[in-house]
Protein backbone atom coordinates (compact mmCIF):
# COMPACT_ATOMS: atom_id res chain seq x y z
CA UNK A 1 78.88 22.18 85.84
CA UNK A 2 77.66 20.09 82.89
CA UNK A 3 76.64 23.20 80.96
CA UNK A 4 79.98 24.83 81.73
CA UNK A 5 81.76 21.68 80.54
CA UNK A 6 79.83 21.71 77.25
CA UNK A 7 80.67 25.37 76.66
CA UNK A 8 84.34 24.72 77.40
CA UNK A 9 84.38 21.86 74.89
CA UNK A 10 82.80 24.11 72.25
CA UNK A 11 85.45 26.75 72.93
CA UNK A 12 88.30 24.25 72.87
CA UNK A 13 87.05 23.00 69.50
CA UNK A 14 87.80 26.43 68.00
CA UNK A 15 84.40 28.10 68.46
CA UNK A 16 83.55 31.45 70.03
CA UNK A 17 80.82 31.86 72.64
CA UNK A 18 78.92 34.96 73.75
CA UNK A 19 76.72 34.24 76.79
CA UNK A 20 74.22 36.55 78.50
CA UNK A 21 74.17 35.24 82.06
CA UNK A 22 73.78 36.17 85.73
CA UNK A 23 74.96 32.84 87.13
CA UNK A 24 78.16 33.37 89.15
CA UNK A 25 79.59 29.96 88.28
CA UNK A 26 79.44 30.68 84.56
CA UNK A 27 80.74 34.21 85.04
CA UNK A 28 83.72 33.00 87.06
CA UNK A 29 84.50 30.32 84.45
CA UNK A 30 84.45 32.78 81.55
CA UNK A 31 87.66 33.89 79.86
CA UNK A 32 86.44 37.49 79.72
CA UNK A 33 83.55 39.37 81.31
CA UNK A 34 81.77 42.41 79.88
CA UNK A 35 79.83 44.14 82.66
CA UNK A 36 77.06 46.51 81.50
CA UNK A 37 75.42 49.14 83.64
CA UNK A 38 75.78 50.71 86.04
CA UNK A 39 72.01 50.49 86.53
CA UNK A 40 68.96 49.33 84.58
CA UNK A 41 66.94 51.04 81.88
CA UNK A 42 68.00 54.62 81.26
CA UNK A 43 70.54 54.25 84.08
CA UNK A 44 72.39 51.59 82.10
CA UNK A 45 73.85 51.33 78.63
CA UNK A 46 77.49 51.82 79.59
CA UNK A 47 80.43 49.44 79.78
CA UNK A 48 81.30 49.36 83.46
CA UNK A 49 84.07 46.77 83.40
CA UNK A 50 85.86 44.50 80.93
CA UNK A 51 88.50 41.86 81.48
CA UNK A 52 89.11 38.59 83.23
CA UNK A 53 86.77 37.59 86.06
CA UNK A 54 89.42 38.58 88.61
CA UNK A 55 89.80 42.00 86.95
CA UNK A 56 86.04 42.62 87.03
CA UNK A 57 85.91 41.50 90.66
CA UNK A 58 88.57 44.09 91.48
CA UNK A 59 86.77 46.90 89.62
CA UNK A 60 85.37 49.20 92.31
CA UNK A 61 82.68 50.62 90.02
CA UNK A 62 81.26 47.20 89.08
CA UNK A 63 78.24 45.98 91.06
CA UNK A 64 78.67 42.55 89.49
CA UNK A 65 82.28 42.38 90.64
CA UNK A 66 81.29 43.50 94.12
CA UNK A 67 78.85 40.59 94.45
CA UNK A 68 81.21 38.07 92.88
CA UNK A 69 84.07 38.78 95.30
CA UNK A 70 81.88 39.23 98.38
CA UNK A 71 82.15 43.00 98.86
CA UNK A 72 78.37 43.07 98.56
CA UNK A 73 75.89 40.32 99.31
CA UNK A 74 72.14 39.77 99.36
CA UNK A 75 71.31 40.41 102.99
CA UNK A 76 68.64 38.48 104.84
CA UNK A 77 65.52 40.44 105.78
CA UNK A 78 64.69 40.56 109.48
CA UNK A 79 63.01 37.41 110.88
CA UNK A 80 59.24 37.29 110.54
CA UNK A 81 57.42 36.16 113.68
CA UNK A 82 54.78 33.52 112.93
CA UNK A 83 53.07 30.80 114.92
CA UNK A 84 54.31 27.34 114.00
CA UNK A 85 51.93 24.54 113.19
CA UNK A 86 53.33 22.62 116.16
CA UNK A 87 51.81 25.03 118.66
CA UNK A 88 49.67 23.52 121.36
CA UNK A 89 47.20 26.32 120.75
CA UNK A 90 45.46 24.90 117.70
CA UNK A 91 43.47 28.10 117.19
CA UNK A 92 46.69 29.99 116.44
CA UNK A 93 48.14 27.26 114.21
CA UNK A 94 48.69 28.39 110.63
CA UNK A 95 47.66 25.00 109.26
CA UNK A 96 48.92 23.29 106.15
CA UNK A 97 48.02 22.15 102.66
CA UNK A 98 48.61 18.46 101.94
CA UNK A 99 48.95 16.79 98.56
CA UNK A 100 48.61 13.02 98.81
CA UNK A 101 49.74 10.17 96.58
CA UNK A 102 51.16 12.21 93.69
CA UNK A 103 52.19 9.86 90.88
CA UNK A 104 52.16 12.11 87.79
CA UNK A 105 55.12 11.51 85.44
CA UNK A 106 58.14 10.57 87.58
CA UNK A 107 56.59 11.35 91.00
CA UNK A 108 56.87 8.25 93.19
CA UNK A 109 53.54 8.25 95.06
CA UNK A 110 54.70 11.09 97.32
CA UNK A 111 52.79 12.87 100.10
CA UNK A 112 53.73 16.53 100.63
CA UNK A 113 52.64 18.88 103.40
CA UNK A 114 53.09 22.59 102.74
CA UNK A 115 52.80 24.79 105.86
CA UNK A 116 50.68 27.88 105.22
CA UNK A 117 51.63 31.47 105.97
CA UNK A 118 55.20 30.52 105.14
CA UNK A 119 57.61 31.10 102.28
CA UNK A 120 58.31 27.57 101.05
CA UNK A 121 60.98 26.71 98.47
CA UNK A 122 60.60 23.57 96.38
CA UNK A 123 64.05 22.73 95.09
CA UNK A 124 65.99 19.94 93.48
CA UNK A 125 68.01 19.06 90.39
CA UNK A 126 66.65 19.65 86.90
CA UNK A 127 64.07 16.99 86.02
CA UNK A 128 63.52 15.85 89.60
CA UNK A 129 59.77 16.58 89.51
CA UNK A 130 59.42 20.16 90.77
CA UNK A 131 57.38 21.44 87.83
CA UNK A 132 55.28 18.29 87.77
CA UNK A 133 54.49 18.62 91.47
CA UNK A 134 53.61 22.33 91.43
CA UNK A 135 52.42 23.10 87.90
CA UNK A 136 50.91 19.80 86.78
CA UNK A 137 49.40 18.56 90.04
CA UNK A 138 49.02 21.15 92.80
CA UNK A 139 47.99 24.19 90.76
CA UNK A 140 45.26 22.54 88.63
CA UNK A 141 44.03 20.59 91.66
CA UNK A 142 43.48 23.83 93.57
CA UNK A 143 41.83 25.49 90.58
CA UNK A 144 39.46 22.53 90.30
CA UNK A 145 38.69 22.75 94.03
CA UNK A 146 37.90 26.46 93.64
CA UNK A 147 35.57 25.72 90.72
CA UNK A 148 37.70 27.51 88.13
CA UNK A 149 38.40 26.22 84.61
CA UNK A 150 41.57 24.18 84.31
CA UNK A 151 43.09 21.15 82.67
CA UNK A 152 42.76 17.85 84.47
CA UNK A 153 45.11 17.76 87.49
CA UNK A 154 48.03 15.35 87.38
CA UNK A 155 47.57 11.96 89.01
CA UNK A 156 47.24 12.12 92.80
CA UNK A 157 45.15 10.43 95.48
CA UNK A 158 43.77 13.48 97.23
CA UNK A 159 44.30 16.83 98.89
CA UNK A 160 43.71 18.14 102.40
CA UNK A 161 43.52 21.71 103.67
CA UNK A 162 42.35 23.25 100.39
CA UNK A 163 39.47 24.91 102.25
CA UNK A 164 42.05 27.22 103.84
CA UNK A 165 42.94 28.68 100.43
CA UNK A 166 40.74 31.51 99.14
CA UNK A 167 42.53 31.80 95.81
CA UNK A 168 45.59 30.47 93.99
CA UNK A 169 47.80 32.67 91.80
CA UNK A 170 50.49 31.32 89.50
CA UNK A 171 53.18 33.86 88.61
CA UNK A 172 55.55 32.84 85.81
CA UNK A 173 57.51 34.52 83.02
CA UNK A 174 54.93 34.13 80.26
CA UNK A 175 54.14 37.38 78.42
CA UNK A 176 51.41 39.46 80.02
CA UNK A 177 49.78 40.44 76.73
CA UNK A 178 50.39 41.41 73.14
CA UNK A 179 48.63 44.76 73.03
CA UNK A 180 50.91 47.80 72.97
CA UNK A 181 48.21 49.78 74.81
CA UNK A 182 48.95 47.99 78.08
CA UNK A 183 51.71 49.51 80.19
CA UNK A 184 53.15 49.21 83.73
CA UNK A 185 51.07 52.12 85.03
CA UNK A 186 47.79 50.63 83.83
CA UNK A 187 48.74 47.13 84.99
CA UNK A 188 49.14 48.17 88.64
CA UNK A 189 46.16 50.56 88.51
CA UNK A 190 48.26 53.73 88.77
CA UNK A 191 47.09 55.24 85.50
CA UNK A 192 43.48 55.40 86.71
CA UNK A 193 44.64 57.53 89.64
CA UNK A 194 46.71 59.74 87.30
CA UNK A 195 43.74 60.36 85.00
CA UNK A 196 41.51 61.20 87.95
CA UNK A 197 44.10 63.69 89.20
CA UNK A 198 44.20 65.41 85.82
CA UNK A 199 40.40 65.51 85.66
CA UNK A 200 40.26 67.34 89.01
CA UNK A 201 42.51 70.19 87.86
CA UNK A 202 40.81 73.57 87.51
CA UNK A 203 41.59 73.84 83.80
CA UNK A 204 40.07 70.40 83.18
CA UNK A 205 36.88 71.36 84.98
CA UNK A 206 36.64 74.59 82.97
CA UNK A 207 36.93 72.62 79.73
CA UNK A 208 34.57 69.89 80.87
CA UNK A 209 37.26 67.22 80.76
CA UNK A 210 36.72 63.98 82.66
CA UNK A 211 39.05 61.12 83.54
CA UNK A 212 37.99 59.49 80.27
CA UNK A 213 39.35 62.44 78.32
CA UNK A 214 42.85 61.49 79.45
CA UNK A 215 42.54 57.89 78.30
CA UNK A 216 44.38 56.91 75.12
CA UNK A 217 42.17 53.84 74.70
CA UNK A 218 38.89 55.70 74.32
CA UNK A 219 37.33 59.11 74.71
CA UNK A 220 37.73 62.44 72.94
CA UNK A 221 41.14 63.35 74.33
CA UNK A 222 43.16 60.86 72.34
CA UNK A 223 44.61 61.50 68.90
CA UNK A 224 41.96 60.67 66.27
CA UNK A 225 44.54 59.81 63.61
CA UNK A 226 46.26 56.97 65.50
CA UNK A 227 43.37 56.35 67.97
CA UNK A 228 45.75 56.75 70.88
CA UNK A 229 48.39 54.23 69.84
CA UNK A 230 51.03 56.84 69.01
CA UNK A 231 51.89 55.19 65.70
CA UNK A 232 50.25 54.29 62.41
CA UNK A 233 50.14 50.76 61.04
CA UNK A 234 51.09 50.60 57.39
CA UNK A 235 50.35 47.28 55.69
CA UNK A 236 52.97 46.22 53.14
CA UNK A 237 51.86 43.86 50.40
CA UNK A 238 54.99 41.75 50.10
CA UNK A 239 57.05 42.94 53.08
CA UNK A 240 56.61 43.05 56.85
CA UNK A 241 54.16 45.66 58.06
CA UNK A 242 55.63 48.99 59.10
CA UNK A 243 54.77 51.08 62.17
CA UNK A 244 55.36 54.81 61.77
CA UNK A 245 55.23 57.47 64.46
CA UNK A 246 51.95 59.33 64.16
CA UNK A 247 52.48 62.59 62.28
CA UNK A 248 49.62 64.40 64.03
CA UNK A 249 50.47 63.70 67.71
CA UNK A 250 54.16 62.87 67.17
CA UNK A 251 53.73 59.72 69.22
CA UNK A 252 52.21 61.44 72.27
CA UNK A 253 48.85 59.63 71.74
CA UNK A 254 46.77 62.73 72.59
CA UNK A 255 45.24 65.78 70.94
CA UNK A 256 47.24 68.97 71.31
CA UNK A 257 44.48 70.60 73.39
CA UNK A 258 44.54 67.66 75.82
CA UNK A 259 48.26 68.16 76.31
CA UNK A 260 47.67 71.81 77.22
CA UNK A 261 46.45 70.66 80.67
CA UNK A 262 49.44 70.50 82.98
CA UNK A 263 49.64 68.86 86.40
CA UNK A 264 51.74 70.83 88.90
CA UNK A 265 54.75 69.13 90.44
CA UNK A 266 57.65 69.91 92.77
CA UNK A 267 59.99 72.87 92.25
CA UNK A 268 57.59 74.65 89.90
CA UNK A 269 57.61 71.79 87.42
CA UNK A 270 54.50 70.79 85.52
CA UNK A 271 53.71 67.88 83.21
CA UNK A 272 51.09 66.91 80.66
CA UNK A 273 49.51 63.48 80.61
CA UNK A 274 51.97 62.45 77.87
CA UNK A 275 54.88 63.73 79.98
CA UNK A 276 53.70 61.53 82.87
CA UNK A 277 53.69 58.45 80.64
CA UNK A 278 57.31 59.21 79.72
CA UNK A 279 58.37 59.34 83.38
CA UNK A 280 60.17 56.44 84.99
CA UNK A 281 58.66 54.95 88.13
CA UNK A 282 61.30 56.75 90.20
CA UNK A 283 60.52 60.10 88.57
CA UNK A 284 56.78 59.60 89.02
CA UNK A 285 57.18 58.79 92.72
CA UNK A 286 59.01 62.10 93.17
CA UNK A 287 56.60 64.09 90.99
CA UNK A 288 53.50 62.72 92.76
CA UNK A 289 55.06 62.52 96.23
CA UNK A 290 52.02 64.27 97.75
CA UNK A 291 49.54 61.75 96.27
CA UNK A 292 49.56 58.76 98.67
CA UNK A 293 47.05 56.69 96.69
CA UNK A 294 49.29 56.91 93.63
CA UNK A 295 52.44 56.18 95.62
CA UNK A 296 50.76 53.04 96.98
CA UNK A 297 50.25 51.83 93.39
CA UNK A 298 53.71 52.75 92.12
CA UNK A 299 55.75 51.67 95.15
CA UNK A 300 55.37 47.91 94.38
CA UNK A 301 57.06 48.52 91.01
CA UNK A 302 60.05 49.97 92.82
CA UNK A 303 59.92 47.19 95.42
CA UNK A 304 60.45 44.53 92.76
CA UNK A 305 63.24 46.46 91.03
CA UNK A 306 61.28 47.93 88.12
CA UNK A 307 61.80 51.56 89.09
CA UNK A 308 63.61 52.19 85.80
CA UNK A 309 60.58 51.36 83.61
CA UNK A 310 58.66 54.21 82.00
CA UNK A 311 55.01 54.34 83.01
CA UNK A 312 53.86 54.20 79.39
CA UNK A 313 56.26 51.53 78.16
CA UNK A 314 54.31 48.92 76.16
CA UNK A 315 54.07 45.67 78.11
CA UNK A 316 55.02 43.45 75.12
CA UNK A 317 58.50 45.04 75.14
CA UNK A 318 59.25 43.67 78.63
CA UNK A 319 61.52 40.68 79.10
CA UNK A 320 60.25 37.47 80.72
CA UNK A 321 61.81 38.38 84.06
CA UNK A 322 60.38 41.90 83.93
CA UNK A 323 56.94 40.50 83.08
CA UNK A 324 57.07 38.19 86.10
CA UNK A 325 58.11 41.03 88.38
CA UNK A 326 55.34 43.23 86.97
CA UNK A 327 52.82 40.50 87.81
CA UNK A 328 54.18 40.39 91.37
CA UNK A 329 53.94 44.19 91.61
CA UNK A 330 50.33 43.99 90.46
CA UNK A 331 49.50 41.51 93.22
CA UNK A 332 51.28 43.67 95.79
CA UNK A 333 49.30 46.73 94.68
CA UNK A 334 45.99 44.82 94.73
CA UNK A 335 46.74 43.36 98.15
CA UNK A 336 47.51 46.79 99.58
CA UNK A 337 44.15 48.09 98.36
CA UNK A 338 41.85 45.13 99.02
CA UNK A 339 43.41 43.71 102.18
CA UNK A 340 42.34 40.21 101.08
CA UNK A 341 43.87 37.16 102.72
CA UNK A 342 44.21 33.43 102.31
CA UNK A 343 45.77 33.43 98.84
CA UNK A 344 48.39 30.93 97.73
CA UNK A 345 51.01 32.36 95.38
CA UNK A 346 53.00 29.97 93.20
CA UNK A 347 56.21 31.34 91.67
CA UNK A 348 58.17 29.58 88.95
CA UNK A 349 61.92 30.21 89.31
CA UNK A 350 61.51 33.91 90.18
CA UNK A 351 65.25 34.67 90.25
CA UNK A 352 65.85 33.44 86.67
CA UNK A 353 67.49 36.27 84.75
CA UNK A 354 67.90 38.48 87.81
CA UNK A 355 71.16 40.17 88.72
CA UNK A 356 72.38 40.00 92.33
CA UNK A 357 71.26 43.60 92.90
CA UNK A 358 67.74 42.84 91.67
CA UNK A 359 67.58 39.82 94.00
CA UNK A 360 68.78 42.02 96.87
CA UNK A 361 66.03 44.56 96.23
CA UNK A 362 63.34 41.93 95.70
CA UNK A 363 63.96 39.91 98.85
CA UNK A 364 61.31 41.81 100.84
CA UNK A 365 58.50 41.32 98.31
CA UNK A 366 57.40 37.89 99.68
CA UNK A 367 57.21 39.28 103.20
CA UNK A 368 55.02 42.14 101.98
CA UNK A 369 52.63 39.57 100.53
CA UNK A 370 52.85 37.74 103.85
CA UNK A 371 51.70 40.80 105.77
CA UNK A 372 48.99 41.79 103.32
CA UNK A 373 47.55 38.50 102.16
CA UNK A 374 48.08 36.36 105.23
CA UNK A 375 49.58 33.47 103.27
CA UNK A 376 52.39 33.42 100.83
CA UNK A 377 53.15 30.45 98.67
CA UNK A 378 55.68 28.27 96.98
CA UNK A 379 58.69 29.09 94.89
CA UNK A 380 60.14 26.49 92.57
CA UNK A 381 63.90 26.79 92.42
CA UNK A 382 65.88 24.91 89.80
CA UNK A 383 68.92 24.36 91.98
CA UNK A 384 71.00 22.09 89.77
CA UNK A 385 73.96 20.87 91.79
CA UNK A 386 74.12 21.62 95.48
CA UNK A 387 76.98 24.04 94.95
CA UNK A 388 74.85 25.90 92.43
CA UNK A 389 71.97 26.09 94.89
CA UNK A 390 74.16 27.50 97.62
CA UNK A 391 75.82 30.05 95.36
CA UNK A 392 73.09 31.35 93.06
CA UNK A 393 69.81 30.42 94.71
CA UNK A 394 70.95 31.19 98.24
CA UNK A 395 68.72 34.26 98.12
CA UNK A 396 65.63 32.07 98.09
CA UNK A 397 66.90 29.34 100.38
CA UNK A 398 68.01 31.82 103.05
CA UNK A 399 64.83 33.92 102.85
CA UNK A 400 62.61 30.83 102.83
CA UNK A 401 61.14 29.65 106.10
CA UNK A 402 60.80 26.08 104.88
CA UNK A 403 62.79 24.11 102.33
CA UNK A 404 61.19 21.17 100.57
CA UNK A 405 63.99 19.47 98.61
CA UNK A 406 63.46 16.92 95.87
CA UNK A 407 65.61 13.90 95.24
CA UNK A 408 69.36 13.81 95.00
CA UNK A 409 69.27 11.91 91.70
CA UNK A 410 69.92 13.62 88.39
CA UNK A 411 66.33 13.83 87.21
CA UNK A 412 64.05 11.82 84.91
CA UNK A 413 63.21 8.32 86.21
CA UNK A 414 65.54 8.44 89.26
CA UNK A 415 63.74 11.57 90.47
CA UNK A 416 60.28 12.12 91.90
CA UNK A 417 60.97 11.45 95.56
CA UNK A 418 61.24 13.78 98.54
CA UNK A 419 64.61 14.19 100.19
CA UNK A 420 63.45 14.93 103.72
CA UNK A 421 67.02 14.98 104.99
CA UNK A 422 67.36 18.50 103.56
CA UNK A 423 63.99 19.82 104.69
CA UNK A 424 64.39 22.78 106.99
CA UNK A 425 61.91 24.79 109.05
CA UNK A 426 63.23 28.31 109.54
CA UNK A 427 60.12 29.71 111.23
CA UNK A 428 60.86 32.27 113.91
C-alpha cells in the first residue's frame, strides 16, 4: 500500500508511470492495464487486453483478467501424507533442524525449529529479518557444518539437527553464468542425451561421428570460423564491440557436413542438431517422445513453466525469474536421476516476477522435490502487509505445510522476532 501511495502521488503531481508488475494490488489500482500474451516466449508478443482494470477483468481472452476477477485461481495440489514430528513412533518422525540464539542484525535472540520433510514458508513484512535469518545465518551455518567454503555465519548460539542434512542448496535469482555457450538443454543435462542419440544414428556411425562431434564447445563438428558460438566478435577501437552472425555457418554453430545428419521424428519429420537447438521445450518433448531418458531431463523445464524456452537459448539472456526456475529444473532433473535424499533447499522469494499462471503451473515442483529428495526446504516470502500476503503470496502459504511468520512490526529495529501466533502446521 505504501508503494501504491507513492506512485499515486507521483501521478497526481503531473507525472506518467509505466509499471511492469504481476502484483494484483498494483494492477487493480492502475488507471489502465496493458495485458500481453496470450502465452510466454513465442506464444506471446500480442496485446490481449487494454483498458481499465474492470475492462481487463471482463475480457474473456485475458488470463490476467481471469485470475484478477476469480474466474481462474491457483488450485491447491492434493495433500501430501507425511509423518508428523509429534508421532509417538520416534523412528518414523521426520525430525527437525533448530537454529538457536540468532542475534545477527535485528534478530532478537530467537530460537527457530524447522520441521524436515516439509515445505516451510518464512514470511513477514519487509525488513523483519527473513533474509538475515535464512541467508546470513542458516545457510552459511549449514555450509560450515558440511565443510564447504563460506563466509562467517551470522551471530547465533548454535544449531541442532544439522546431521540430518546431506546437502544445502540455495536457489535465488542471481544470473547462472555469463557464457553464451550455456543453454537450458545443457543446464539440465538434456543436450548430452541429444548428442548421444545423434551419435548412434547409422549415418553417424558410417562417418565415424561420436557424441563429441555434435558438441559446439569442442570437437571437429563445430564451425571452425566461430568455434561453435554462432557469431563473430568484432572489436571496435572507440565503440562498443560488435557481434555479427557467422557468415560460414549462418549462426547454426556447426559445419555443413555435421548438419547433414538428421534425427528422425514423428510424422516423417527429421531434424539436424542445429534444428534441435532451435526447438522449444514443448516441441522437443513431442519430437523425442519415444526417448524416456531425454523426456526425464526436459520434463522439469515444463514443470516449472519454462516450456517456451528454446533448447539452445543462451542462459545470459534469461530473466532473473527464469534463471531461478531453470536452477529448480536442474535440481529436479538431477534428483530424478540420482535419487539422492536429505537435501535442504532454500528458495528466495520464488514467486517474484511470476504471473498467476506460472505460479499455478509451478505449485507441484516442491512436492516433486519432496518425493525425490526426501526433504524440501524453506521459502522466504516477502509478504508486506497481511492483505498482500493473502492476495499475492497465497500460492506459497496455501501450498506450505508450515508457516513461520516474522514479527508484525514494519521492519528494521522493531523486527527480528517470531510471531508464533500465525505459525501453522498443515501436515496431513
